[in-house]
Amino acid sequence: MQIEHVALWTRDLERARAFYEGYFEARAGKKYVNAERHFASYFLTFASGARLELMTLPDLGDAQDGDAPDRVGYAHLAFSVGSEESVDALTARLQADGYRVVSAPRRTGDGYYESCVLDPDGNRVEITI
């Protein structure tokens, strides 16, 4: 078995799409709109073939606190960028563009080299080798 896709709710579909396309080289498929439900979504595809579905509705509830390290539901998306230098560079670029870095690049106890930033909706995005 394999994960087919991960889905995230967002209040601003175009902003979220631009974030994942601009920083993580995703390619968006055709926008889907269900006018009856006021629902819209994109499926984004990454170089590895992994897919992310971004979804929106007009009356979404508030997201959980992005500062909480442990919570039920969404934990993070992890993107492999190939090297420590690439982790450092992308983290610096995101920070310079105003995105919040919640965990600076570091080596974890289990040997990963990673950082963690918040996307435009406060979702955790892990950047690793």
Foldseek 3Di string as FASTA:
>chain_A
DDDQAAEDEDQDAVLLVCQCCVQQVWDWDDWDADPVQQKIWIWTAHPVRYIYIYIYHNDDDADPALLDCDDPDAREAEDEPDDLVRQQVSVVVCVVVPWAWNAHFDQDPVGWTWTWTAGPRSGIYIYTD
